[in-house]
């Protein structure tokens, strides 16, 4: 029960930070998140740079961008969501390209 509450709080915190950059969490499950950013539809070069940098992260197992919907599906190691250094790395990469 406490783990569920913790995960919910972490997810809310991440969503609020992403919202600051106009990024929406379209769907999230443990180990999987789909992000949407309307600007991505028209700025593919920027997205490809972001994705290539995110793909180098040791906690991300896969990332793919769908230009038509302006979304990115990110698969990550489930335990990484509880590690603040992983989240900090991810958010700094997103901030760099937002």
C-alpha atoms as a PDB file:
ATOM      1  CA  UNK A   1       0.000   0.000   0.000  1.00  0.00           C
ATOM      2  CA  UNK A   2       2.767   2.460   0.932  1.00  0.00           C
ATOM      3  CA  UNK A   3       4.634   1.622  -2.293  1.00  0.00           C
ATOM      4  CA  UNK A   4       1.495   2.455  -4.339  1.00  0.00           C
ATOM      5  CA  UNK A   5       1.141   5.803  -2.589  1.00  0.00           C
ATOM      6  CA  UNK A   6       4.838   6.562  -3.112  1.00  0.00           C
ATOM      7  CA  UNK A   7       4.599   5.718  -6.827  1.00  0.00           C
ATOM      8  CA  UNK A   8       1.510   7.900  -7.187  1.00  0.00           C
ATOM      9  CA  UNK A   9       3.300  10.850  -5.543  1.00  0.00           C
ATOM     10  CA  UNK A  10       6.387  10.381  -7.730  1.00  0.00           C
ATOM     11  CA  UNK A  11       4.215  10.243 -10.855  1.00  0.00           C
ATOM     12  CA  UNK A  12       2.381  13.440  -9.866  1.00  0.00           C
ATOM     13  CA  UNK A  13       5.691  15.219  -9.266  1.00  0.00           C
ATOM     14  CA  UNK A  14       7.032  14.139 -12.660  1.00  0.00           C
ATOM     15  CA  UNK A  15       3.802  15.198 -14.381  1.00  0.00           C
ATOM     16  CA  UNK A  16       3.952  18.670 -12.829  1.00  0.00           C
ATOM     17  CA  UNK A  17       7.573  19.146 -13.932  1.00  0.00           C
ATOM     18  CA  UNK A  18       6.795  17.967 -17.471  1.00  0.00           C
ATOM     19  CA  UNK A  19       3.737  20.215 -17.644  1.00  0.00           C
ATOM     20  CA  UNK A  20       6.079  23.164 -17.063  1.00  0.00           C
ATOM     21  CA  UNK A  21       7.586  22.383 -20.506  1.00  0.00           C
ATOM     22  CA  UNK A  22       4.254  21.720 -22.205  1.00  0.00           C
ATOM     23  CA  UNK A  23       4.788  17.963 -22.153  1.00  0.00           C
ATOM     24  CA  UNK A  24       1.843  15.728 -21.331  1.00  0.00           C
ATOM     25  CA  UNK A  25       1.922  12.258 -19.855  1.00  0.00           C
ATOM     26  CA  UNK A  26      -0.449  10.478 -22.210  1.00  0.00           C
ATOM     27  CA  UNK A  27      -0.148   7.092 -20.559  1.00  0.00           C
ATOM     28  CA  UNK A  28       1.983   5.559 -17.831  1.00  0.00           C
ATOM     29  CA  UNK A  29       2.483   2.078 -16.468  1.00  0.00           C
ATOM     30  CA  UNK A  30       5.384   0.792 -14.399  1.00  0.00           C
ATOM     31  CA  UNK A  31       8.350   0.676 -16.774  1.00  0.00           C
ATOM     32  CA  UNK A  32       6.522   2.421 -19.604  1.00  0.00           C
ATOM     33  CA  UNK A  33       5.500   6.024 -20.287  1.00  0.00           C
ATOM     34  CA  UNK A  34       4.130   7.797 -23.352  1.00  0.00           C
ATOM     35  CA  UNK A  35       4.841  11.521 -23.519  1.00  0.00           C
ATOM     36  CA  UNK A  36       3.144  13.987 -25.815  1.00  0.00           C
ATOM     37  CA  UNK A  37       4.463  17.363 -26.869  1.00  0.00           C
ATOM     38  CA  UNK A  38       2.578  19.161 -29.669  1.00  0.00           C
ATOM     39  CA  UNK A  39       5.713  20.970 -30.863  1.00  0.00           C
ATOM     40  CA  UNK A  40       7.350  17.616 -31.579  1.00  0.00           C
ATOM     41  CA  UNK A  41       5.147  17.115 -34.643  1.00  0.00           C
ATOM     42  CA  UNK A  42       6.895  19.982 -36.408  1.00  0.00           C
ATOM     43  CA  UNK A  43      10.355  19.764 -34.888  1.00  0.00           C
ATOM     44  CA  UNK A  44      11.527  16.245 -35.688  1.00  0.00           C
ATOM     45  CA  UNK A  45      15.256  17.129 -35.602  1.00  0.00           C
ATOM     46  CA  UNK A  46      15.005  18.307 -32.009  1.00  0.00           C
ATOM     47  CA  UNK A  47      13.103  15.172 -31.030  1.00  0.00           C
ATOM     48  CA  UNK A  48      15.632  12.872 -32.676  1.00  0.00           C
ATOM     49  CA  UNK A  49      18.442  14.556 -30.724  1.00  0.00           C
ATOM     50  CA  UNK A  50      16.498  14.198 -27.477  1.00  0.00           C
ATOM     51  CA  UNK A  51      15.724  10.552 -28.201  1.00  0.00           C
ATOM     52  CA  UNK A  52      19.303   9.681 -29.090  1.00  0.00           C
ATOM     53  CA  UNK A  53      20.541  11.217 -25.839  1.00  0.00           C
ATOM     54  CA  UNK A  54      17.818   9.533 -23.773  1.00  0.00           C
ATOM     55  CA  UNK A  55      18.596   6.172 -25.434  1.00  0.00           C
ATOM     56  CA  UNK A  56      22.121   6.349 -23.968  1.00  0.00           C
ATOM     57  CA  UNK A  57      20.737   6.412 -20.422  1.00  0.00           C
ATOM     58  CA  UNK A  58      21.448   3.113 -18.644  1.00  0.00           C
ATOM     59  CA  UNK A  59      17.933   2.992 -17.153  1.00  0.00           C
ATOM     60  CA  UNK A  60      16.100   3.422 -20.469  1.00  0.00           C
ATOM     61  CA  UNK A  61      15.621   0.216 -22.410  1.00  0.00           C
ATOM     62  CA  UNK A  62      13.855   1.644 -25.463  1.00  0.00           C
ATOM     63  CA  UNK A  63      12.491   4.895 -26.843  1.00  0.00           C
ATOM     64  CA  UNK A  64      10.545   5.511 -30.025  1.00  0.00           C
ATOM     65  CA  UNK A  65       8.972   8.617 -31.484  1.00  0.00           C
ATOM     66  CA  UNK A  66       5.748   8.731 -33.517  1.00  0.00           C
ATOM     67  CA  UNK A  67       5.765  11.903 -35.588  1.00  0.00           C
ATOM     68  CA  UNK A  68       2.106  11.651 -36.586  1.00  0.00           C
ATOM     69  CA  UNK A  69       0.923  11.829 -32.996  1.00  0.00           C
ATOM     70  CA  UNK A  70       3.791  13.882 -31.556  1.00  0.00           C
ATOM     71  CA  UNK A  71       4.420  11.274 -28.871  1.00  0.00           C
ATOM     72  CA  UNK A  72       7.365   9.297 -27.570  1.00  0.00           C
ATOM     73  CA  UNK A  73       7.072   5.887 -25.956  1.00  0.00           C
ATOM     74  CA  UNK A  74       9.783   5.310 -23.369  1.00  0.00           C
ATOM     75  CA  UNK A  75      10.435   1.931 -21.797  1.00  0.00           C
ATOM     76  CA  UNK A  76      12.618   2.039 -18.719  1.00  0.00           C
ATOM     77  CA  UNK A  77      13.801  -0.172 -15.887  1.00  0.00           C
ATOM     78  CA  UNK A  78      10.899  -0.225 -13.444  1.00  0.00           C
ATOM     79  CA  UNK A  79      13.075   0.386 -10.384  1.00  0.00           C
ATOM     80  CA  UNK A  80      14.558   3.554 -11.945  1.00  0.00           C
ATOM     81  CA  UNK A  81      11.396   5.537 -11.214  1.00  0.00           C
ATOM     82  CA  UNK A  82      12.255   5.314  -7.502  1.00  0.00           C
ATOM     83  CA  UNK A  83      15.790   6.613  -7.989  1.00  0.00           C
ATOM     84  CA  UNK A  84      16.019  10.378  -7.911  1.00  0.00           C
ATOM     85  CA  UNK A  85      19.264  10.438  -9.921  1.00  0.00           C
ATOM     86  CA  UNK A  86      17.555   8.657 -12.853  1.00  0.00           C
ATOM     87  CA  UNK A  87      14.626  11.056 -12.829  1.00  0.00           C
ATOM     88  CA  UNK A  88      16.957  14.040 -12.540  1.00  0.00           C
ATOM     89  CA  UNK A  89      18.969  12.840 -15.574  1.00  0.00           C
ATOM     90  CA  UNK A  90      15.833  12.319 -17.648  1.00  0.00           C
ATOM     91  CA  UNK A  91      14.348  15.678 -16.763  1.00  0.00           C
ATOM     92  CA  UNK A  92      17.593  17.522 -17.496  1.00  0.00           C
ATOM     93  CA  UNK A  93      17.706  15.944 -20.972  1.00  0.00           C
ATOM     94  CA  UNK A  94      14.069  16.883 -21.616  1.00  0.00           C
ATOM     95  CA  UNK A  95      14.721  20.419 -20.369  1.00  0.00           C
ATOM     96  CA  UNK A  96      17.714  20.730 -22.695  1.00  0.00           C
ATOM     97  CA  UNK A  97      15.539  20.110 -25.764  1.00  0.00           C
ATOM     98  CA  UNK A  98      12.305  21.811 -24.652  1.00  0.00           C
END
